[in-house]
């Protein structure tokens, strides 16, 4: 009987391993301009030299009422924004710079399935220097509140997000870690765990991580400005890296859960 159980376990492990246990590596980026367009007079110029540089420049953001202009970019495969699965582990990093005469916020973005255009953000803001992670499915963390860090416009920082799906179950949920390097010193949020998603949305989206069909990239919000009518803001995401950290086959049958069936 023990031999039979071992053979059954081996067969199940082979079946699980036959599922793609790797994250699809993006081959490019796609830029979307004017997601919010409170100042149509603004002149937007984008540069897409993925992976060395994605850059968005906006000039003449001088209008009356409104909030601002929002633009983004997303990792892509075959020229189409890439949807990632809940079990896709990855590390994403870049050198981020916000420059110009106006005020803005820019980020590394992890946008949830229900809001690909505007979602979770590892955010840097110029008007008050706040550095914080929030929105979508991202566990909240403030580098400003917890470590007293502030972003200074014109400064280049290195930011990184590390997502590990783990078992995608309540006792072994996905985790995320945010890192930022300022002035040559690296700071970390530590490893943060995900709470449970909405059970009414599983299936198809999952429960204990970023949830199926999220997208990854960068966001740029240019605030309406006063003063110089020809003022501008430019955001550069340079030296972009994306590393595959492995994939959990699915939430119901992970390596750990298979083993527990035959102990």
C-alpha atoms as a PDB file:
ATOM      1  CA  UNK A   1       0.000   0.000   0.000  1.00  0.00           C
ATOM      2  CA  UNK A   2       2.836   2.362   0.848  1.00  0.00           C
ATOM      3  CA  UNK A   3       4.366   1.760  -2.578  1.00  0.00           C
ATOM      4  CA  UNK A   4       1.016   2.432  -4.227  1.00  0.00           C
ATOM      5  CA  UNK A   5       0.660   5.680  -2.287  1.00  0.00           C
ATOM      6  CA  UNK A   6       4.149   6.741  -3.318  1.00  0.00           C
ATOM      7  CA  UNK A   7       3.389   6.033  -6.959  1.00  0.00           C
ATOM      8  CA  UNK A   8       0.142   7.989  -6.714  1.00  0.00           C
ATOM      9  CA  UNK A   9       1.980  10.881  -5.082  1.00  0.00           C
ATOM     10  CA  UNK A  10       4.640  10.826  -7.794  1.00  0.00           C
ATOM     11  CA  UNK A  11       1.951  10.864 -10.494  1.00  0.00           C
ATOM     12  CA  UNK A  12       0.235  13.830  -8.853  1.00  0.00           C
ATOM     13  CA  UNK A  13       3.506  15.707  -8.489  1.00  0.00           C
ATOM     14  CA  UNK A  14       4.303  15.093 -12.150  1.00  0.00           C
ATOM     15  CA  UNK A  15       0.821  16.317 -13.070  1.00  0.00           C
ATOM     16  CA  UNK A  16       1.308  19.488 -11.047  1.00  0.00           C
ATOM     17  CA  UNK A  17       4.781  20.060 -12.449  1.00  0.00           C
ATOM     18  CA  UNK A  18       3.418  19.705 -15.989  1.00  0.00           C
ATOM     19  CA  UNK A  19       1.471  22.905 -15.437  1.00  0.00           C
ATOM     20  CA  UNK A  20       3.542  25.899 -16.542  1.00  0.00           C
ATOM     21  CA  UNK A  21       5.637  26.717 -13.481  1.00  0.00           C
ATOM     22  CA  UNK A  22       7.097  29.910 -14.872  1.00  0.00           C
ATOM     23  CA  UNK A  23       5.839  33.444 -15.331  1.00  0.00           C
ATOM     24  CA  UNK A  24       5.708  34.707 -18.908  1.00  0.00           C
ATOM     25  CA  UNK A  25       8.508  37.245 -19.227  1.00  0.00           C
ATOM     26  CA  UNK A  26       7.306  40.534 -20.800  1.00  0.00           C
ATOM     27  CA  UNK A  27       8.876  41.424 -24.125  1.00  0.00           C
ATOM     28  CA  UNK A  28       7.996  45.109 -24.147  1.00  0.00           C
ATOM     29  CA  UNK A  29       5.826  47.885 -22.788  1.00  0.00           C
ATOM     30  CA  UNK A  30       2.718  49.746 -23.955  1.00  0.00           C
ATOM     31  CA  UNK A  31       2.040  53.385 -23.043  1.00  0.00           C
ATOM     32  CA  UNK A  32      -1.452  54.825 -22.590  1.00  0.00           C
ATOM     33  CA  UNK A  33      -1.772  58.614 -22.521  1.00  0.00           C
ATOM     34  CA  UNK A  34      -4.571  60.811 -21.162  1.00  0.00           C
ATOM     35  CA  UNK A  35      -6.429  58.261 -19.045  1.00  0.00           C
ATOM     36  CA  UNK A  36      -7.532  61.376 -17.193  1.00  0.00           C
ATOM     37  CA  UNK A  37      -7.419  64.478 -19.371  1.00  0.00           C
ATOM     38  CA  UNK A  38      -8.408  67.481 -17.258  1.00  0.00           C
ATOM     39  CA  UNK A  39      -6.146  69.725 -19.326  1.00  0.00           C
ATOM     40  CA  UNK A  40      -6.520  68.955 -23.052  1.00  0.00           C
ATOM     41  CA  UNK A  41      -4.065  71.770 -23.832  1.00  0.00           C
ATOM     42  CA  UNK A  42      -1.258  69.717 -22.325  1.00  0.00           C
ATOM     43  CA  UNK A  43       1.312  68.416 -24.801  1.00  0.00           C
ATOM     44  CA  UNK A  44       2.285  64.816 -24.083  1.00  0.00           C
ATOM     45  CA  UNK A  45       5.432  63.192 -25.488  1.00  0.00           C
ATOM     46  CA  UNK A  46       6.242  59.550 -24.743  1.00  0.00           C
ATOM     47  CA  UNK A  47       9.384  57.496 -25.251  1.00  0.00           C
ATOM     48  CA  UNK A  48       9.286  53.710 -25.265  1.00  0.00           C
ATOM     49  CA  UNK A  49      12.760  52.204 -25.351  1.00  0.00           C
ATOM     50  CA  UNK A  50      11.880  49.260 -23.129  1.00  0.00           C
ATOM     51  CA  UNK A  51      13.703  48.010 -21.142  1.00  0.00           C
ATOM     52  CA  UNK A  52      16.336  50.731 -20.940  1.00  0.00           C
ATOM     53  CA  UNK A  53      13.807  53.580 -20.665  1.00  0.00           C
ATOM     54  CA  UNK A  54      10.110  54.368 -20.622  1.00  0.00           C
ATOM     55  CA  UNK A  55       9.528  58.120 -20.359  1.00  0.00           C
ATOM     56  CA  UNK A  56       6.456  60.397 -20.366  1.00  0.00           C
ATOM     57  CA  UNK A  57       6.753  64.186 -20.653  1.00  0.00           C
ATOM     58  CA  UNK A  58       3.846  66.620 -20.372  1.00  0.00           C
ATOM     59  CA  UNK A  59       4.047  70.385 -20.961  1.00  0.00           C
ATOM     60  CA  UNK A  60       1.499  73.227 -20.587  1.00  0.00           C
ATOM     61  CA  UNK A  61      -0.497  71.596 -17.808  1.00  0.00           C
ATOM     62  CA  UNK A  62      -2.162  74.954 -17.039  1.00  0.00           C
ATOM     63  CA  UNK A  63      -5.943  74.805 -16.815  1.00  0.00           C
ATOM     64  CA  UNK A  64      -8.644  75.972 -14.439  1.00  0.00           C
ATOM     65  CA  UNK A  65     -10.869  73.400 -12.730  1.00  0.00           C
ATOM     66  CA  UNK A  66      -9.953  69.730 -12.481  1.00  0.00           C
ATOM     67  CA  UNK A  67      -7.457  67.364 -10.923  1.00  0.00           C
ATOM     68  CA  UNK A  68      -4.818  66.488 -13.475  1.00  0.00           C
ATOM     69  CA  UNK A  69      -3.677  64.286 -16.327  1.00  0.00           C
ATOM     70  CA  UNK A  70      -2.980  60.595 -15.854  1.00  0.00           C
ATOM     71  CA  UNK A  71      -0.857  58.388 -18.063  1.00  0.00           C
ATOM     72  CA  UNK A  72       0.577  54.913 -17.631  1.00  0.00           C
ATOM     73  CA  UNK A  73       2.609  52.122 -19.123  1.00  0.00           C
ATOM     74  CA  UNK A  74       2.210  48.365 -18.708  1.00  0.00           C
ATOM     75  CA  UNK A  75       4.400  45.353 -19.375  1.00  0.00           C
ATOM     76  CA  UNK A  76       3.415  43.798 -22.674  1.00  0.00           C
ATOM     77  CA  UNK A  77       3.824  40.713 -24.817  1.00  0.00           C
ATOM     78  CA  UNK A  78       3.326  41.046 -28.550  1.00  0.00           C
ATOM     79  CA  UNK A  79       2.392  44.700 -28.175  1.00  0.00           C
ATOM     80  CA  UNK A  80      -0.542  43.951 -25.843  1.00  0.00           C
ATOM     81  CA  UNK A  81      -0.659  44.703 -22.112  1.00  0.00           C
ATOM     82  CA  UNK A  82       0.090  41.480 -20.254  1.00  0.00           C
ATOM     83  CA  UNK A  83      -2.290  39.973 -17.706  1.00  0.00           C
ATOM     84  CA  UNK A  84      -0.594  38.082 -14.886  1.00  0.00           C
ATOM     85  CA  UNK A  85      -2.007  35.220 -12.818  1.00  0.00           C
ATOM     86  CA  UNK A  86      -2.389  35.192  -9.046  1.00  0.00           C
ATOM     87  CA  UNK A  87       0.305  32.531  -8.816  1.00  0.00           C
ATOM     88  CA  UNK A  88       2.905  34.386 -10.907  1.00  0.00           C
ATOM     89  CA  UNK A  89       5.833  35.304  -8.680  1.00  0.00           C
ATOM     90  CA  UNK A  90       8.013  38.174  -9.852  1.00  0.00           C
ATOM     91  CA  UNK A  91      10.465  40.918  -8.934  1.00  0.00           C
ATOM     92  CA  UNK A  92      10.089  44.239 -10.768  1.00  0.00           C
ATOM     93  CA  UNK A  93      12.480  47.138 -10.376  1.00  0.00           C
ATOM     94  CA  UNK A  94      13.625  50.344 -12.065  1.00  0.00           C
ATOM     95  CA  UNK A  95      15.345  53.690 -11.567  1.00  0.00           C
ATOM     96  CA  UNK A  96      12.595  56.308 -11.195  1.00  0.00           C
ATOM     97  CA  UNK A  97      13.032  60.065 -11.720  1.00  0.00           C
ATOM     98  CA  UNK A  98      10.404  62.813 -11.593  1.00  0.00           C
ATOM     99  CA  UNK A  99      11.661  66.155 -12.924  1.00  0.00           C
ATOM    100  CA  UNK A 100      10.299  69.483 -14.131  1.00  0.00           C
ATOM    101  CA  UNK A 101       8.685  72.720 -12.979  1.00  0.00           C
ATOM    102  CA  UNK A 102       5.284  71.256 -12.072  1.00  0.00           C
ATOM    103  CA  UNK A 103       4.123  68.838  -9.397  1.00  0.00           C
ATOM    104  CA  UNK A 104       3.212  65.189  -9.894  1.00  0.00           C
ATOM    105  CA  UNK A 105       3.247  61.687  -8.541  1.00  0.00           C
ATOM    106  CA  UNK A 106       4.628  58.618 -10.252  1.00  0.00           C
ATOM    107  CA  UNK A 107       4.911  54.988  -9.343  1.00  0.00           C
ATOM    108  CA  UNK A 108       5.592  51.368  -9.928  1.00  0.00           C
ATOM    109  CA  UNK A 109       2.086  50.073 -10.475  1.00  0.00           C
ATOM    110  CA  UNK A 110       0.358  46.746  -9.800  1.00  0.00           C
ATOM    111  CA  UNK A 111      -3.143  47.256 -11.159  1.00  0.00           C
ATOM    112  CA  UNK A 112      -5.879  44.782 -10.093  1.00  0.00           C
ATOM    113  CA  UNK A 113      -8.152  42.981 -12.539  1.00  0.00           C
ATOM    114  CA  UNK A 114     -11.029  45.401 -11.947  1.00  0.00           C
ATOM    115  CA  UNK A 115      -8.960  48.549 -12.628  1.00  0.00           C
ATOM    116  CA  UNK A 116      -6.099  48.102 -15.076  1.00  0.00           C
ATOM    117  CA  UNK A 117      -5.805  51.832 -15.814  1.00  0.00           C
ATOM    118  CA  UNK A 118      -5.626  53.100 -12.227  1.00  0.00           C
ATOM    119  CA  UNK A 119      -4.766  50.656  -9.460  1.00  0.00           C
ATOM    120  CA  UNK A 120      -2.254  49.676  -6.801  1.00  0.00           C
ATOM    121  CA  UNK A 121       0.765  51.943  -6.619  1.00  0.00           C
ATOM    122  CA  UNK A 122       4.259  52.171  -5.081  1.00  0.00           C
ATOM    123  CA  UNK A 123       4.007  55.933  -5.190  1.00  0.00           C
ATOM    124  CA  UNK A 124       6.395  58.902  -5.106  1.00  0.00           C
ATOM    125  CA  UNK A 125       4.883  62.404  -4.822  1.00  0.00           C
ATOM    126  CA  UNK A 126       6.737  65.666  -5.389  1.00  0.00           C
ATOM    127  CA  UNK A 127       4.600  68.273  -3.621  1.00  0.00           C
ATOM    128  CA  UNK A 128       5.024  66.768  -0.133  1.00  0.00           C
ATOM    129  CA  UNK A 129       7.596  64.026  -0.805  1.00  0.00           C
ATOM    130  CA  UNK A 130       5.374  61.166   0.376  1.00  0.00           C
ATOM    131  CA  UNK A 131       6.548  57.650  -0.497  1.00  0.00           C
ATOM    132  CA  UNK A 132       3.792  55.094   0.083  1.00  0.00           C
ATOM    133  CA  UNK A 133       2.327  51.850  -1.259  1.00  0.00           C
ATOM    134  CA  UNK A 134      -1.450  51.516  -1.451  1.00  0.00           C
ATOM    135  CA  UNK A 135      -4.509  50.804  -3.605  1.00  0.00           C
ATOM    136  CA  UNK A 136      -5.803  47.807  -5.509  1.00  0.00           C
ATOM    137  CA  UNK A 137      -4.754  44.620  -3.723  1.00  0.00           C
ATOM    138  CA  UNK A 138      -1.500  46.019  -2.351  1.00  0.00           C
ATOM    139  CA  UNK A 139      -0.913  45.818   1.418  1.00  0.00           C
ATOM    140  CA  UNK A 140      -0.452  49.386   2.657  1.00  0.00           C
ATOM    141  CA  UNK A 141       2.979  50.630   3.652  1.00  0.00           C
ATOM    142  CA  UNK A 142       4.338  54.165   4.059  1.00  0.00           C
ATOM    143  CA  UNK A 143       8.090  54.742   3.881  1.00  0.00           C
ATOM    144  CA  UNK A 144       7.388  58.325   4.908  1.00  0.00           C
ATOM    145  CA  UNK A 145       5.296  57.369   7.931  1.00  0.00           C
ATOM    146  CA  UNK A 146       7.402  54.381   9.016  1.00  0.00           C
ATOM    147  CA  UNK A 147      10.938  55.474   8.130  1.00  0.00           C
ATOM    148  CA  UNK A 148      10.711  59.231   7.605  1.00  0.00           C
ATOM    149  CA  UNK A 149      11.715  59.055   3.927  1.00  0.00           C
ATOM    150  CA  UNK A 150      10.734  61.774   1.457  1.00  0.00           C
ATOM    151  CA  UNK A 151      11.125  62.018  -2.300  1.00  0.00           C
ATOM    152  CA  UNK A 152      12.797  65.164  -3.664  1.00  0.00           C
ATOM    153  CA  UNK A 153      11.914  66.165  -7.228  1.00  0.00           C
ATOM    154  CA  UNK A 154      14.787  65.584  -9.637  1.00  0.00           C
ATOM    155  CA  UNK A 155      16.206  62.748  -7.551  1.00  0.00           C
ATOM    156  CA  UNK A 156      16.697  59.297  -9.065  1.00  0.00           C
ATOM    157  CA  UNK A 157      15.677  56.445  -6.774  1.00  0.00           C
ATOM    158  CA  UNK A 158      15.676  52.704  -7.305  1.00  0.00           C
ATOM    159  CA  UNK A 159      12.357  51.055  -6.468  1.00  0.00           C
ATOM    160  CA  UNK A 160      11.526  47.364  -6.439  1.00  0.00           C
ATOM    161  CA  UNK A 161       8.525  45.117  -5.788  1.00  0.00           C
ATOM    162  CA  UNK A 162       8.937  41.421  -4.897  1.00  0.00           C
ATOM    163  CA  UNK A 163       5.795  39.248  -5.066  1.00  0.00           C
ATOM    164  CA  UNK A 164       5.771  35.626  -3.882  1.00  0.00           C
ATOM    165  CA  UNK A 165       2.531  33.631  -4.244  1.00  0.00           C
ATOM    166  CA  UNK A 166       3.585  30.942  -1.741  1.00  0.00           C
ATOM    167  CA  UNK A 167       0.694  28.497  -1.185  1.00  0.00           C
ATOM    168  CA  UNK A 168      -2.121  30.974  -1.955  1.00  0.00           C
ATOM    169  CA  UNK A 169      -4.084  29.641   1.017  1.00  0.00           C
ATOM    170  CA  UNK A 170      -5.077  31.212   4.338  1.00  0.00           C
ATOM    171  CA  UNK A 171      -2.222  29.529   6.220  1.00  0.00           C
ATOM    172  CA  UNK A 172       0.322  30.351   3.502  1.00  0.00           C
ATOM    173  CA  UNK A 173      -0.863  33.499   1.700  1.00  0.00           C
ATOM    174  CA  UNK A 174       1.050  35.458  -0.906  1.00  0.00           C
ATOM    175  CA  UNK A 175       3.555  38.053   0.298  1.00  0.00           C
ATOM    176  CA  UNK A 176       4.974  41.269  -1.101  1.00  0.00           C
ATOM    177  CA  UNK A 177       7.997  43.370  -0.254  1.00  0.00           C
ATOM    178  CA  UNK A 178       8.662  46.960  -1.298  1.00  0.00           C
ATOM    179  CA  UNK A 179      12.224  48.278  -1.521  1.00  0.00           C
ATOM    180  CA  UNK A 180      13.583  51.733  -2.265  1.00  0.00           C
ATOM    181  CA  UNK A 181      17.187  52.897  -2.549  1.00  0.00           C
ATOM    182  CA  UNK A 182      17.781  56.597  -1.844  1.00  0.00           C
ATOM    183  CA  UNK A 183      21.224  58.151  -1.604  1.00  0.00           C
ATOM    184  CA  UNK A 184      22.855  54.752  -1.855  1.00  0.00           C
ATOM    185  CA  UNK A 185      20.940  53.292   1.111  1.00  0.00           C
ATOM    186  CA  UNK A 186      18.333  50.558   0.625  1.00  0.00           C
ATOM    187  CA  UNK A 187      15.172  50.587   2.721  1.00  0.00           C
ATOM    188  CA  UNK A 188      12.570  47.827   2.883  1.00  0.00           C
ATOM    189  CA  UNK A 189       9.004  47.431   4.038  1.00  0.00           C
ATOM    190  CA  UNK A 190       9.785  43.921   5.180  1.00  0.00           C
ATOM    191  CA  UNK A 191       7.657  41.033   3.955  1.00  0.00           C
ATOM    192  CA  UNK A 192       3.927  41.853   4.063  1.00  0.00           C
ATOM    193  CA  UNK A 193       1.136  39.277   3.773  1.00  0.00           C
ATOM    194  CA  UNK A 194      -2.072  39.524   1.761  1.00  0.00           C
ATOM    195  CA  UNK A 195      -5.515  39.343   3.302  1.00  0.00           C
ATOM    196  CA  UNK A 196      -8.341  37.375   1.724  1.00  0.00           C
ATOM    197  CA  UNK A 197     -10.025  38.641  -1.415  1.00  0.00           C
ATOM    198  CA  UNK A 198     -13.755  38.619  -2.077  1.00  0.00           C
ATOM    199  CA  UNK A 199     -15.070  35.003  -2.009  1.00  0.00           C
ATOM    200  CA  UNK A 200     -17.783  36.014  -4.476  1.00  0.00           C
ATOM    201  CA  UNK A 201     -15.043  36.656  -7.045  1.00  0.00           C
ATOM    202  CA  UNK A 202     -13.376  33.248  -6.678  1.00  0.00           C
ATOM    203  CA  UNK A 203     -13.457  31.613  -9.105  1.00  0.00           C
ATOM    204  CA  UNK A 204     -12.066  32.990 -11.334  1.00  0.00           C
ATOM    205  CA  UNK A 205      -9.773  35.455  -9.538  1.00  0.00           C
ATOM    206  CA  UNK A 206      -8.492  33.662  -6.438  1.00  0.00           C
ATOM    207  CA  UNK A 207      -8.303  34.845  -2.843  1.00  0.00           C
ATOM    208  CA  UNK A 208      -4.875  35.094  -1.202  1.00  0.00           C
ATOM    209  CA  UNK A 209      -2.728  37.299  -3.418  1.00  0.00           C
ATOM    210  CA  UNK A 210      -2.819  39.853  -6.210  1.00  0.00           C
ATOM    211  CA  UNK A 211      -5.670  37.897  -7.887  1.00  0.00           C
ATOM    212  CA  UNK A 212      -5.796  36.696 -11.488  1.00  0.00           C
ATOM    213  CA  UNK A 213      -5.509  39.138 -14.399  1.00  0.00           C
ATOM    214  CA  UNK A 214      -3.536  41.924 -12.706  1.00  0.00           C
ATOM    215  CA  UNK A 215      -1.185  44.130 -14.717  1.00  0.00           C
ATOM    216  CA  UNK A 216       2.198  45.615 -13.839  1.00  0.00           C
ATOM    217  CA  UNK A 217       3.997  48.766 -14.974  1.00  0.00           C
ATOM    218  CA  UNK A 218       4.128  52.461 -14.074  1.00  0.00           C
ATOM    219  CA  UNK A 219       1.714  55.354 -13.433  1.00  0.00           C
ATOM    220  CA  UNK A 220       2.093  59.150 -13.817  1.00  0.00           C
ATOM    221  CA  UNK A 221      -0.338  61.752 -12.471  1.00  0.00           C
ATOM    222  CA  UNK A 222       0.487  65.350 -13.427  1.00  0.00           C
ATOM    223  CA  UNK A 223      -1.346  67.798 -11.169  1.00  0.00           C
ATOM    224  CA  UNK A 224      -2.914  70.884 -12.728  1.00  0.00           C
ATOM    225  CA  UNK A 225      -0.393  73.653 -12.222  1.00  0.00           C
ATOM    226  CA  UNK A 226      -0.477  77.363 -11.531  1.00  0.00           C
ATOM    227  CA  UNK A 227       2.161  79.899 -12.484  1.00  0.00           C
ATOM    228  CA  UNK A 228       4.212  79.042 -15.549  1.00  0.00           C
ATOM    229  CA  UNK A 229       1.782  78.222 -18.405  1.00  0.00           C
ATOM    230  CA  UNK A 230       4.572  76.370 -20.182  1.00  0.00           C
ATOM    231  CA  UNK A 231       5.651  74.348 -17.160  1.00  0.00           C
ATOM    232  CA  UNK A 232       6.256  70.628 -17.461  1.00  0.00           C
ATOM    233  CA  UNK A 233       6.828  67.346 -15.659  1.00  0.00           C
ATOM    234  CA  UNK A 234       8.766  64.361 -16.980  1.00  0.00           C
ATOM    235  CA  UNK A 235       8.850  60.877 -15.482  1.00  0.00           C
ATOM    236  CA  UNK A 236      11.582  58.395 -16.419  1.00  0.00           C
ATOM    237  CA  UNK A 237      11.481  54.689 -15.606  1.00  0.00           C
ATOM    238  CA  UNK A 238      15.005  53.561 -16.521  1.00  0.00           C
ATOM    239  CA  UNK A 239      16.879  50.245 -16.350  1.00  0.00           C
ATOM    240  CA  UNK A 240      13.647  48.292 -16.003  1.00  0.00           C
ATOM    241  CA  UNK A 241      14.027  44.714 -14.784  1.00  0.00           C
ATOM    242  CA  UNK A 242      11.520  41.885 -14.488  1.00  0.00           C
ATOM    243  CA  UNK A 243      12.518  38.581 -12.905  1.00  0.00           C
ATOM    244  CA  UNK A 244      10.465  35.379 -12.908  1.00  0.00           C
ATOM    245  CA  UNK A 245      10.235  34.002  -9.368  1.00  0.00           C
ATOM    246  CA  UNK A 246       8.145  30.964 -10.263  1.00  0.00           C
ATOM    247  CA  UNK A 247       4.487  30.114 -10.480  1.00  0.00           C
ATOM    248  CA  UNK A 248       2.106  28.241  -8.200  1.00  0.00           C
ATOM    249  CA  UNK A 249       0.121  25.824 -10.384  1.00  0.00           C
ATOM    250  CA  UNK A 250      -3.212  26.775  -8.849  1.00  0.00           C
ATOM    251  CA  UNK A 251      -4.723  27.578  -5.473  1.00  0.00           C
ATOM    252  CA  UNK A 252      -6.291  24.176  -4.956  1.00  0.00           C
ATOM    253  CA  UNK A 253      -3.323  21.944  -5.678  1.00  0.00           C
ATOM    254  CA  UNK A 254       0.063  23.299  -4.618  1.00  0.00           C
ATOM    255  CA  UNK A 255       3.104  21.130  -3.882  1.00  0.00           C
ATOM    256  CA  UNK A 256       2.418  21.368  -0.176  1.00  0.00           C
ATOM    257  CA  UNK A 257      -1.236  20.434  -0.433  1.00  0.00           C
ATOM    258  CA  UNK A 258      -0.432  17.418  -2.611  1.00  0.00           C
ATOM    259  CA  UNK A 259       2.057  16.117  -0.045  1.00  0.00           C
ATOM    260  CA  UNK A 260      -0.435  16.431   2.791  1.00  0.00           C
ATOM    261  CA  UNK A 261      -2.724  13.960   1.030  1.00  0.00           C
ATOM    262  CA  UNK A 262      -0.192  11.149   1.416  1.00  0.00           C
ATOM    263  CA  UNK A 263       1.470  11.572   4.808  1.00  0.00           C
END
